[in-house]
């Protein structure tokens, strides 16, 4: 499972297999997520859904599919 946490406009944290990766921009968020086998369409859907609903947390399943986002 992969999770994203958005701290501010340009700072994110990705958690995967118990490790935490600080991310400094949206481009790096995409690159890391792709490297962790998230699908491009799922990454785009998560970003759009998060921005639309003012969420700062997203979760992806083991197959790389976007599961949900919420405000934390």
Protein backbone atom coordinates (compact mmCIF):
# COMPACT_ATOMS: atom_id res chain seq x y z
CA UNK A 1 0.00 0.00 0.00
CA UNK A 2 1.17 3.53 -0.81
CA UNK A 3 -0.01 6.69 0.92
CA UNK A 4 0.47 10.36 0.14
CA UNK A 5 0.32 13.18 2.67
CA UNK A 6 0.32 16.76 1.40
CA UNK A 7 1.93 19.21 3.85
CA UNK A 8 1.63 22.34 1.72
CA UNK A 9 1.50 23.26 -1.94
CA UNK A 10 4.94 21.84 -2.76
CA UNK A 11 5.71 19.38 0.02
CA UNK A 12 4.48 15.80 0.14
CA UNK A 13 5.34 12.63 1.99
CA UNK A 14 4.99 9.20 0.41
CA UNK A 15 4.89 6.15 2.65
CA UNK A 16 5.51 2.68 1.26
CA UNK A 17 6.45 -0.55 3.05
CA UNK A 18 7.19 1.30 6.29
CA UNK A 19 9.53 3.81 4.66
CA UNK A 20 8.90 7.54 4.32
CA UNK A 21 10.01 9.59 1.32
CA UNK A 22 9.89 13.41 1.47
CA UNK A 23 8.83 14.94 -1.85
CA UNK A 24 9.50 18.57 -2.79
CA UNK A 25 7.31 19.06 -5.87
CA UNK A 26 4.47 17.60 -7.89
CA UNK A 27 6.79 16.29 -10.60
CA UNK A 28 8.73 14.22 -8.04
CA UNK A 29 5.44 12.95 -6.61
CA UNK A 30 4.53 11.59 -10.06
CA UNK A 31 7.99 10.05 -10.61
CA UNK A 32 8.11 8.33 -7.23
CA UNK A 33 4.54 7.09 -7.56
CA UNK A 34 5.24 5.66 -11.01
CA UNK A 35 8.39 3.99 -9.68
CA UNK A 36 6.25 2.41 -6.95
CA UNK A 37 3.96 0.93 -9.64
CA UNK A 38 1.05 3.35 -9.38
CA UNK A 39 -0.68 3.79 -12.70
CA UNK A 40 -0.47 7.21 -14.38
CA UNK A 41 -4.27 7.47 -14.73
CA UNK A 42 -4.69 6.61 -11.04
CA UNK A 43 -2.13 9.26 -10.01
CA UNK A 44 -3.92 11.87 -12.12
CA UNK A 45 -7.31 10.86 -10.69
CA UNK A 46 -5.96 11.13 -7.14
CA UNK A 47 -4.51 14.61 -7.72
CA UNK A 48 -7.74 15.86 -9.33
CA UNK A 49 -9.96 14.32 -6.63
CA UNK A 50 -7.75 15.70 -3.83
CA UNK A 51 -7.71 19.22 -5.27
CA UNK A 52 -11.42 19.20 -6.01
CA UNK A 53 -12.32 18.12 -2.45
CA UNK A 54 -9.53 19.97 -0.57
CA UNK A 55 -8.05 16.69 0.71
CA UNK A 56 -4.48 16.22 1.88
CA UNK A 57 -4.25 12.42 2.13
CA UNK A 58 -4.53 9.71 -0.52
CA UNK A 59 -4.15 5.95 -0.48
CA UNK A 60 -3.30 3.49 -3.24
CA UNK A 61 -3.83 -0.27 -3.10
CA UNK A 62 -1.20 -2.92 -3.68
CA UNK A 63 -2.04 -3.04 -7.39
CA UNK A 64 -1.35 0.70 -7.74
CA UNK A 65 -5.01 1.68 -7.94
CA UNK A 66 -6.23 4.87 -6.25
CA UNK A 67 -8.43 3.81 -3.33
CA UNK A 68 -9.56 7.03 -1.60
CA UNK A 69 -8.56 10.45 -0.32
CA UNK A 70 -9.64 12.45 2.69
CA UNK A 71 -8.89 15.49 4.82
CA UNK A 72 -6.56 14.64 7.73
